[in-house]
Amino acid sequence: MSEVLVIEDKLSFADLLKRKLKELGIDSITTESGKKGLDLLTKHTFRVVILDLRLPDADGIDILKEIKEADPSIEVIIISAYGTIERAVEAMRLGAHDFIPKPVDPEHLGLIVLRLLRERRLKEEYLMIKKEWEEQIGFEIVGVSKALQEALYHLKKAAASDATVLLIGESGTGKELFAHALHRLSRRKNRPFVPINCAAIPRELLENELFGSERGAFTGATARKIGKLEIAHQGTVFLDEVADLDLSLQAKILRVIEDKTFERLGGLKPIRVDVRFVAATNRDLKTLVIEKKFREDLYYRLNVFPIALPPLRERKEDIPHLVEHFLKKLGVNKSLNQRAMDKLFSYHWPGNVRELENVIERATILCEGDLIGPSHILLPIENNFSVGSLKEAKKRSIRAVERDLIIKVLRETKGNKKAAAEKLGISYKTLLKRIKEYGID
């Protein structure tokens, strides 16, 4: 199947480009006519069109319009020896991916096409995975951002195997949702999913919870207790906040991963289990290994297939979809006006998706009508009901002042980041970091 259509009236250049594309493993069809090109588009499925601006029978801009009307997903690269800035701007406004003046380097153009095709295939695979994911595990993981879809792509790949998975992400990014999804997409989906919060249970109780105990193993053990590892046989064990595991328990977990065996507390008989481990952490395990607070051998056993979950500040395009999801979940017939949505976009979301859900729930309570405005969106810096230490309050205040100052200077320099950095007395790199951190558009 040819993925690229070249509409170019200079046949020598069209043939050269066709050969270069072939060298890159890309099949193409060439034509010197705009009308023939449009006719070919009705007979073939092209992902990329390379279009000369000046053709014998048509204007390239008119052809671009027709291509985009027929299929907006087709990427169009305009090439021309007669291009002006005005024509380039018009082409980009109409949806052209790029405008390249002649003479064109066929090899460079071929690499652009190769990148576009890879991006298109990846997007198509993401959409296919998303559809399967929605059919199999529901709609709890919400978003269309590239960062989230990349994490879901890796999730699907991991689910097809029995490899141990390590979910890495800040608090509130949805690690438990991902762990559930991983289980439901795996061959173990009809067997138990057993979550264990390693930070919430004291060490002595956690050992009993994990491995179980025999009668008389300790004071109060009046009957045999079956541990969660046995309950999870042929299923999935989710070790949440795995960084908080005591070192002695880490050694026992390592043995289960390696040998698939353990003993109950007070027991002598090895028990064999078939479980798939999924672990999650919001801390840097590598640093903990260096500090001798986490076993290096266990780290490598858990880190077979790491999946990084993006923080909300890196996937802000998902905010409208998440808001809609939370409003439906709450069962309220309310929506946000644009100013309220802008306020959500301007915040940096240290608490991630969990914090956004809390903000939306609070907004629905404060809003008596059906349209949520900015006054209903209470963020921590202005929330009079929040309680924290003086140190935390001071930190929040400094961040708010710093953010406002950066916005003010960026306005004064008309968006010139280099000039703004100099005026603020910080490096250009630091300014870019702050802009990203504070969600400044």
Protein backbone atom coordinates (compact mmCIF):
# COMPACT_ATOMS: atom_id res chain seq x y z
CA MET A 1 0.00 0.00 0.00
CA SER A 2 1.37 3.41 -0.99
CA GLU A 3 1.27 5.80 1.96
CA VAL A 4 2.56 8.93 0.23
CA LEU A 5 1.20 10.88 -2.73
CA VAL A 6 3.57 13.27 -4.53
CA ILE A 7 1.85 15.96 -6.62
CA GLU A 8 4.72 17.61 -8.51
CA ASP A 9 4.86 18.76 -12.13
CA LYS A 10 8.66 18.58 -12.38
CA LEU A 11 8.97 14.89 -13.22
CA SER A 12 12.73 14.65 -12.62
CA PHE A 13 12.34 15.86 -9.03
CA ALA A 14 9.26 13.65 -8.47
CA ASP A 15 11.20 10.58 -9.63
CA LEU A 16 14.19 11.48 -7.44
CA LEU A 17 11.93 11.92 -4.42
CA LYS A 18 10.18 8.61 -5.16
CA ARG A 19 13.56 6.82 -5.16
CA LYS A 20 14.62 8.48 -1.88
CA LEU A 21 11.35 7.46 -0.23
CA LYS A 22 11.82 3.91 -1.52
CA GLU A 23 15.27 3.80 0.12
CA LEU A 24 13.55 4.66 3.42
CA GLY A 25 11.04 1.82 2.92
CA ILE A 26 8.18 4.13 1.90
CA ASP A 27 6.03 3.42 -1.16
CA SER A 28 4.69 6.44 -3.04
CA ILE A 29 2.65 7.40 -6.09
CA THR A 30 3.51 10.46 -8.16
CA THR A 31 1.42 12.65 -10.46
CA GLU A 32 2.05 15.98 -12.17
CA SER A 33 -1.62 17.07 -12.01
CA GLY A 34 -3.60 18.50 -9.12
CA LYS A 35 -6.87 17.08 -10.45
CA LYS A 36 -5.32 13.62 -10.94
CA GLY A 37 -3.98 13.86 -7.41
CA LEU A 38 -7.47 14.50 -6.02
CA ASP A 39 -8.77 11.58 -8.07
CA LEU A 40 -6.05 9.31 -6.61
CA LEU A 41 -7.09 10.36 -3.11
CA THR A 42 -10.53 8.84 -3.70
CA LYS A 43 -9.00 5.51 -4.76
CA HIS A 44 -6.14 5.11 -2.28
CA THR A 45 -5.52 5.74 1.43
CA PHE A 46 -2.64 8.16 1.80
CA ARG A 47 -1.21 9.37 5.08
CA VAL A 48 1.05 12.09 3.64
CA VAL A 49 0.77 14.29 0.54
CA ILE A 50 3.73 16.25 -0.84
CA LEU A 51 2.16 19.07 -2.85
CA ASP A 52 3.76 21.60 -5.20
CA LEU A 53 2.21 25.04 -4.76
CA ARG A 54 2.19 25.88 -8.47
CA LEU A 55 0.73 23.24 -10.78
CA PRO A 56 -0.20 23.41 -14.47
CA ASP A 57 -3.89 22.81 -13.84
CA ALA A 58 -4.51 24.07 -10.29
CA ASP A 59 -3.36 26.23 -7.43
CA GLY A 60 -1.77 24.23 -4.60
CA ILE A 61 -3.74 26.14 -1.96
CA ASP A 62 -7.03 25.07 -3.58
CA ILE A 63 -5.82 21.45 -3.68
CA LEU A 64 -4.81 21.71 0.00
CA LYS A 65 -8.32 22.91 0.91
CA GLU A 66 -9.93 19.97 -0.90
CA ILE A 67 -7.56 17.45 0.69
CA LYS A 68 -8.28 18.76 4.20
CA GLU A 69 -12.03 18.83 3.57
CA ALA A 70 -11.93 15.21 2.35
CA ASP A 71 -9.69 13.91 5.19
CA PRO A 72 -8.28 16.31 7.84
CA SER A 73 -5.94 13.58 9.13
CA ILE A 74 -3.81 13.59 5.95
CA GLU A 75 -0.55 15.47 6.53
CA VAL A 76 0.26 17.86 3.67
CA ILE A 77 3.75 19.21 3.01
CA ILE A 78 3.81 22.18 0.63
CA ILE A 79 6.88 22.70 -1.56
CA SER A 80 7.37 25.68 -3.86
CA ALA A 81 9.94 27.80 -5.69
CA TYR A 82 7.51 30.73 -5.68
CA GLY A 83 6.45 30.83 -2.08
CA THR A 84 5.97 34.02 -0.12
CA ILE A 85 5.53 34.49 3.61
CA GLU A 86 1.85 35.31 3.05
CA ARG A 87 1.29 32.09 1.07
CA ALA A 88 3.16 30.06 3.68
CA VAL A 89 1.03 31.53 6.48
CA GLU A 90 -2.14 30.82 4.50
CA ALA A 91 -1.07 27.22 3.88
CA MET A 92 -0.28 26.63 7.56
CA ARG A 93 -3.61 28.23 8.56
CA LEU A 94 -5.42 25.79 6.26
CA GLY A 95 -3.75 22.84 7.95
CA ALA A 96 -0.51 22.21 6.05
CA HIS A 97 2.09 20.48 8.19
CA ASP A 98 5.03 22.33 6.63
CA PHE A 99 5.94 24.77 3.89
CA ILE A 100 9.36 24.09 2.32
CA PRO A 101 10.86 26.45 -0.28
CA LYS A 102 12.68 25.00 -3.29
CA PRO A 103 15.32 23.82 -3.91
CA VAL A 104 14.35 20.95 -1.65
CA ASP A 105 16.81 18.37 -0.32
CA PRO A 106 15.06 15.04 -1.14
CA GLU A 107 16.85 13.25 1.70
CA HIS A 108 15.75 15.86 4.27
CA LEU A 109 12.19 15.79 2.94
CA GLY A 110 12.22 11.98 3.06
CA LEU A 111 13.18 12.06 6.75
CA ILE A 112 10.33 14.48 7.48
CA VAL A 113 7.91 12.10 5.76
CA LEU A 114 9.33 9.11 7.66
CA ARG A 115 8.80 10.91 10.99
CA LEU A 116 5.23 11.87 10.06
CA LEU A 117 4.40 8.28 9.09
CA ARG A 118 5.83 6.95 12.35
CA GLU A 119 3.81 9.47 14.36
CA ARG A 120 0.67 8.58 12.41
CA ARG A 121 1.14 4.84 12.94
CA LEU A 122 1.80 5.38 16.63
CA LYS A 123 -1.33 7.51 16.92
CA GLU A 124 -3.38 4.85 15.13
CA GLU A 125 -2.01 2.19 17.47
CA TYR A 126 -2.81 4.41 20.47
CA LEU A 127 -6.41 4.79 19.25
CA MET A 128 -6.73 1.04 18.73
CA ILE A 129 -5.33 0.36 22.20
CA LYS A 130 -7.61 3.03 23.68
CA LYS A 131 -10.65 1.41 22.08
CA GLU A 132 -9.68 -2.03 23.38
CA TRP A 133 -8.88 -0.55 26.78
CA GLU A 134 -12.28 1.17 26.99
CA GLU A 135 -14.05 -2.05 26.01
CA GLN A 136 -12.13 -4.17 28.51
CA ILE A 137 -11.48 -2.00 31.55
CA GLY A 138 -13.94 0.88 31.37
CA PHE A 139 -13.44 4.62 31.40
CA GLU A 140 -11.72 5.35 34.71
CA ILE A 141 -8.42 6.35 33.07
CA VAL A 142 -9.39 9.51 31.22
CA GLY A 143 -7.41 11.60 28.76
CA VAL A 144 -6.18 12.01 25.21
CA SER A 145 -2.77 13.58 25.84
CA LYS A 146 0.31 12.07 24.23
CA ALA A 147 1.91 11.56 27.65
CA LEU A 148 -1.05 9.52 28.94
CA GLN A 149 -1.47 7.54 25.74
CA GLU A 150 2.21 6.63 25.82
CA ALA A 151 1.78 5.27 29.36
CA LEU A 152 -1.30 3.30 28.23
CA TYR A 153 0.62 1.96 25.25
CA HIS A 154 3.29 0.55 27.58
CA LEU A 155 0.57 -0.73 29.91
CA LYS A 156 -0.96 -2.80 27.10
CA LYS A 157 2.43 -4.18 26.12
CA ALA A 158 3.20 -5.15 29.73
CA ALA A 159 -0.22 -6.75 30.22
CA ALA A 160 0.50 -9.27 27.49
CA SER A 161 3.31 -10.75 29.58
CA ASP A 162 3.83 -11.89 33.16
CA ALA A 163 6.71 -9.48 33.73
CA THR A 164 6.90 -7.61 37.03
CA VAL A 165 5.82 -4.00 36.51
CA LEU A 166 6.92 -0.93 38.44
CA LEU A 167 4.53 2.04 38.25
CA ILE A 168 6.39 5.28 38.91
CA GLY A 169 4.58 8.54 39.53
CA GLU A 170 3.72 11.29 41.94
CA SER A 171 0.88 10.93 44.44
CA GLY A 172 -2.49 11.30 42.79
CA THR A 173 -1.44 10.27 39.27
CA GLY A 174 -3.56 7.11 39.31
CA LYS A 175 -1.10 4.32 40.03
CA GLU A 176 -3.75 2.03 41.53
CA LEU A 177 -6.05 2.62 38.54
CA PHE A 178 -3.19 1.59 36.25
CA ALA A 179 -2.51 -1.49 38.35
CA HIS A 180 -6.19 -2.52 38.12
CA ALA A 181 -6.13 -1.89 34.36
CA LEU A 182 -2.98 -3.97 33.95
CA HIS A 183 -4.64 -6.87 35.76
CA ARG A 184 -7.86 -6.62 33.74
CA LEU A 185 -5.93 -6.63 30.47
CA SER A 186 -3.82 -9.64 31.46
CA ARG A 187 -4.49 -13.37 31.21
CA ARG A 188 -5.04 -13.31 35.00
CA LYS A 189 -8.10 -11.04 34.74
CA ASN A 190 -10.47 -13.72 36.07
CA ARG A 191 -8.28 -14.41 39.10
CA PRO A 192 -7.86 -12.24 42.25
CA PHE A 193 -6.40 -8.73 42.24
CA VAL A 194 -4.97 -8.15 45.72
CA PRO A 195 -3.82 -4.61 46.63
CA ILE A 196 -1.49 -4.11 49.61
CA ASN A 197 -0.59 -0.65 50.89
CA CYS A 198 2.92 -1.09 52.27
CA ALA A 199 2.86 2.31 53.97
CA ALA A 200 -0.47 1.97 55.76
CA ILE A 201 0.16 -1.25 57.73
CA PRO A 202 2.77 -1.60 60.53
CA ARG A 203 5.62 -4.01 59.75
CA GLU A 204 4.54 -6.77 62.16
CA LEU A 205 0.96 -6.74 60.89
CA LEU A 206 2.04 -6.44 57.26
CA GLU A 207 4.13 -9.60 57.46
CA ASN A 208 1.11 -11.48 58.79
CA GLU A 209 -1.10 -9.94 56.09
CA LEU A 210 1.27 -10.97 53.33
CA PHE A 211 2.37 -14.43 54.37
CA GLY A 212 -0.28 -15.53 56.84
CA SER A 213 0.47 -17.43 60.05
CA GLU A 214 0.04 -20.80 61.72
CA ARG A 215 -1.84 -21.26 64.95
CA GLY A 216 0.41 -20.35 67.89
CA ALA A 217 2.92 -18.46 65.72
CA PHE A 218 2.65 -15.50 68.11
CA THR A 219 0.52 -14.36 71.04
CA GLY A 220 -3.07 -14.12 69.87
CA ALA A 221 -2.65 -16.42 66.87
CA THR A 222 -5.45 -18.81 67.83
CA ALA A 223 -6.09 -20.09 64.31
CA ARG A 224 -4.33 -20.43 60.99
CA LYS A 225 -4.48 -17.25 58.90
CA ILE A 226 -4.24 -17.37 55.10
CA GLY A 227 -2.07 -14.53 53.79
CA LYS A 228 -2.80 -12.32 50.83
CA LEU A 229 -0.14 -14.01 48.71
CA GLU A 230 -2.06 -17.27 48.93
CA ILE A 231 -5.35 -15.50 48.25
CA ALA A 232 -3.79 -13.98 45.11
CA HIS A 233 -2.73 -17.38 43.68
CA GLN A 234 -2.81 -17.19 39.84
CA GLY A 235 -3.73 -13.53 40.13
CA THR A 236 -2.00 -10.19 40.69
CA VAL A 237 -0.46 -8.70 43.84
CA PHE A 238 -0.25 -4.90 43.86
CA LEU A 239 2.39 -3.57 46.25
CA ASP A 240 1.47 0.10 46.64
CA GLU A 241 4.09 2.44 48.18
CA VAL A 242 6.64 -0.36 47.91
CA ALA A 243 9.44 1.98 49.04
CA ASP A 244 8.04 1.77 52.57
CA LEU A 245 8.61 -1.97 52.85
CA ASP A 246 10.82 -2.93 55.78
CA LEU A 247 14.20 -4.39 54.68
CA SER A 248 13.45 -7.79 56.21
CA LEU A 249 10.16 -7.95 54.32
CA GLN A 250 11.93 -6.89 51.15
CA ALA A 251 14.10 -10.04 51.43
CA LYS A 252 11.00 -12.22 51.78
CA ILE A 253 9.24 -10.58 48.84
CA LEU A 254 12.38 -11.09 46.76
CA ARG A 255 12.26 -14.80 47.51
CA VAL A 256 8.63 -15.04 46.41
CA ILE A 257 9.45 -13.27 43.12
CA GLU A 258 12.45 -15.51 42.46
CA ASP A 259 11.32 -18.89 43.81
CA LYS A 260 7.52 -18.52 43.98
CA THR A 261 7.65 -19.92 47.51
CA PHE A 262 7.31 -18.68 51.11
CA GLU A 263 6.38 -19.96 54.58
CA ARG A 264 3.62 -18.74 56.84
CA LEU A 265 4.72 -17.21 60.13
CA GLY A 266 5.39 -20.12 62.46
CA GLY A 267 5.26 -22.58 59.57
CA LEU A 268 7.95 -24.88 58.19
CA LYS A 269 6.36 -26.09 54.98
CA PRO A 270 7.13 -24.05 51.83
CA ILE A 271 4.03 -22.83 50.04
CA ARG A 272 4.21 -22.39 46.29
CA VAL A 273 2.22 -19.60 44.62
CA ASP A 274 1.82 -18.31 41.10
CA VAL A 275 1.38 -14.53 41.35
CA ARG A 276 2.23 -11.58 39.16
CA PHE A 277 3.71 -8.61 41.04
CA VAL A 278 2.90 -5.00 40.23
CA ALA A 279 4.58 -2.40 42.44
CA ALA A 280 4.13 1.35 42.70
CA THR A 281 6.12 4.18 44.22
CA ASN A 282 6.26 7.95 44.29
CA ARG A 283 9.84 7.92 45.54
CA ASP A 284 13.18 7.46 43.80
CA LEU A 285 14.10 3.83 44.46
CA LYS A 286 17.57 4.29 42.95
CA THR A 287 18.37 6.89 45.60
CA LEU A 288 17.00 4.60 48.33
CA VAL A 289 19.25 1.81 47.06
CA ILE A 290 22.29 4.10 47.33
CA GLU A 291 21.19 5.08 50.84
CA LYS A 292 20.89 1.36 51.74
CA LYS A 293 17.19 1.80 52.48
CA PHE A 294 16.04 -0.45 49.64
CA ARG A 295 17.55 -3.72 48.44
CA GLU A 296 19.33 -3.43 45.12
CA ASP A 297 18.42 -6.98 44.07
CA LEU A 298 14.72 -6.34 44.78
CA TYR A 299 14.84 -3.05 42.89
CA TYR A 300 16.06 -4.83 39.75
CA ARG A 301 13.45 -7.56 40.18
CA LEU A 302 10.67 -4.98 40.42
CA ASN A 303 12.01 -2.72 37.69
CA VAL A 304 11.69 -5.27 34.88
CA PHE A 305 9.06 -3.16 33.09
CA PRO A 306 8.86 0.38 34.48
CA ILE A 307 5.95 2.63 33.45
CA ALA A 308 6.13 6.33 34.24
CA LEU A 309 2.79 7.99 34.92
CA PRO A 310 2.75 11.66 33.86
CA PRO A 311 1.80 14.35 36.40
CA LEU A 312 -1.26 16.44 35.55
CA ARG A 313 0.83 19.56 34.87
CA GLU A 314 2.40 17.68 31.93
CA ARG A 315 -0.97 16.64 30.47
CA LYS A 316 -3.13 19.73 30.97
CA GLU A 317 -4.96 19.09 27.70
CA ASP A 318 -6.68 16.26 29.62
CA ILE A 319 -8.22 18.64 32.19
CA PRO A 320 -11.50 19.26 30.26
CA HIS A 321 -11.99 15.50 29.77
CA LEU A 322 -11.27 14.81 33.45
CA VAL A 323 -13.66 17.56 34.55
CA GLU A 324 -16.43 16.10 32.40
CA HIS A 325 -15.69 12.66 33.83
CA PHE A 326 -15.82 13.86 37.45
CA LEU A 327 -19.07 15.78 36.89
CA LYS A 328 -20.67 12.63 35.43
CA LYS A 329 -19.28 10.58 38.30
CA LEU A 330 -20.86 13.00 40.80
CA GLY A 331 -24.17 12.77 38.93
CA VAL A 332 -24.63 16.54 38.61
CA ASN A 333 -25.93 18.47 35.62
CA LYS A 334 -23.36 21.25 35.80
CA SER A 335 -20.62 22.60 33.56
CA LEU A 336 -17.71 25.05 33.80
CA ASN A 337 -17.56 28.41 32.06
CA GLN A 338 -14.39 29.39 30.19
CA ARG A 339 -13.00 31.55 33.01
CA ALA A 340 -13.33 28.65 35.45
CA MET A 341 -11.60 26.34 32.99
CA ASP A 342 -8.83 28.91 32.46
CA LYS A 343 -8.30 28.97 36.21
CA LEU A 344 -7.83 25.19 36.24
CA PHE A 345 -5.30 25.47 33.40
CA SER A 346 -3.29 28.15 35.20
CA TYR A 347 -2.75 26.02 38.33
CA HIS A 348 0.25 23.67 38.65
CA TRP A 349 -1.61 20.73 40.36
CA PRO A 350 0.88 19.32 42.87
CA GLY A 351 -1.80 16.83 43.96
CA ASN A 352 -2.43 15.76 40.36
CA VAL A 353 -5.69 14.11 39.24
CA ARG A 354 -6.78 13.36 42.81
CA GLU A 355 -6.53 17.06 43.69
CA LEU A 356 -8.48 18.04 40.57
CA GLU A 357 -11.28 15.65 41.53
CA ASN A 358 -11.49 17.20 45.00
CA VAL A 359 -11.58 20.73 43.55
CA ILE A 360 -14.40 19.81 41.16
CA GLU A 361 -16.43 18.12 43.89
CA ARG A 362 -16.06 21.20 46.11
CA ALA A 363 -17.05 23.46 43.20
CA THR A 364 -20.29 21.53 42.61
CA ILE A 365 -21.21 22.04 46.27
CA LEU A 366 -20.47 25.79 46.18
CA CYS A 367 -22.25 26.36 42.86
CA GLU A 368 -26.02 26.68 43.34
CA GLY A 369 -26.78 27.02 39.63
CA ASP A 370 -25.77 24.87 36.67
CA LEU A 371 -22.74 26.91 35.54
CA ILE A 372 -19.57 26.71 37.63
CA GLY A 373 -17.54 29.94 37.59
CA PRO A 374 -14.04 30.88 38.78
CA SER A 375 -15.34 31.88 42.23
CA HIS A 376 -16.41 28.26 42.79
CA ILE A 377 -12.95 26.92 41.94
CA LEU A 378 -11.13 27.07 45.27
CA LEU A 379 -7.46 26.31 44.89
CA PRO A 380 -5.17 25.76 47.92
CA ILE A 381 -3.58 29.21 47.78
CA GLU A 382 -6.97 30.86 48.27
CA ASN A 383 -8.84 28.16 50.17
CA ASN A 384 -9.64 29.59 53.60
CA PHE A 385 -10.63 26.19 54.90
CA SER A 386 -7.27 24.51 54.29
CA VAL A 387 -5.03 23.89 57.27
CA GLY A 388 -1.27 23.58 57.12
CA SER A 389 1.89 24.54 58.89
CA LEU A 390 3.27 28.08 58.83
CA LYS A 391 6.18 26.79 56.76
CA GLU A 392 3.80 25.32 54.16
CA ALA A 393 1.75 28.51 54.04
CA LYS A 394 4.89 30.57 53.54
CA LYS A 395 6.03 28.24 50.75
CA ARG A 396 2.67 28.54 48.97
CA SER A 397 2.72 32.33 49.28
CA ILE A 398 6.23 32.57 47.83
CA ARG A 399 5.23 30.35 44.89
CA ALA A 400 2.16 32.50 44.21
CA VAL A 401 4.18 35.74 44.30
CA GLU A 402 6.89 34.20 42.10
CA ARG A 403 4.33 33.03 39.56
CA ASP A 404 2.61 36.44 39.39
CA LEU A 405 5.97 38.19 38.97
CA ILE A 406 7.00 35.90 36.11
CA ILE A 407 3.67 36.54 34.33
CA LYS A 408 4.06 40.31 34.84
CA VAL A 409 7.61 40.38 33.42
CA LEU A 410 6.66 38.14 30.48
CA ARG A 411 3.89 40.60 29.63
CA GLU A 412 6.30 43.52 29.89
CA THR A 413 8.77 41.79 27.54
CA LYS A 414 5.93 40.73 25.20
CA GLY A 415 6.71 37.05 25.77
CA ASN A 416 10.47 37.37 25.16
CA LYS A 417 11.72 34.71 27.59
CA LYS A 418 15.39 35.64 27.26
CA ALA A 419 14.70 39.27 28.13
CA ALA A 420 12.36 38.19 30.93
CA ALA A 421 15.03 35.92 32.44
CA GLU A 422 17.55 38.77 32.43
CA LYS A 423 15.04 41.13 34.04
CA LEU A 424 14.18 38.54 36.71
CA GLY A 425 17.86 37.84 37.39
CA ILE A 426 17.62 34.10 36.67
CA SER A 427 18.95 31.84 33.94
CA TYR A 428 16.92 31.14 30.80
CA LYS A 429 16.82 27.43 31.76
CA THR A 430 15.45 28.25 35.22
CA LEU A 431 12.75 30.46 33.71
CA LEU A 432 11.64 27.68 31.36
CA LYS A 433 11.50 25.30 34.34
CA ARG A 434 9.37 27.77 36.34
CA ILE A 435 7.03 28.38 33.40
CA LYS A 436 6.43 24.64 33.10
CA GLU A 437 6.14 24.12 36.86
CA TYR A 438 3.57 26.92 37.31
CA GLY A 439 1.61 26.04 34.16
CA ILE A 440 2.11 29.51 32.65
CA ASP A 441 0.80 29.72 29.08
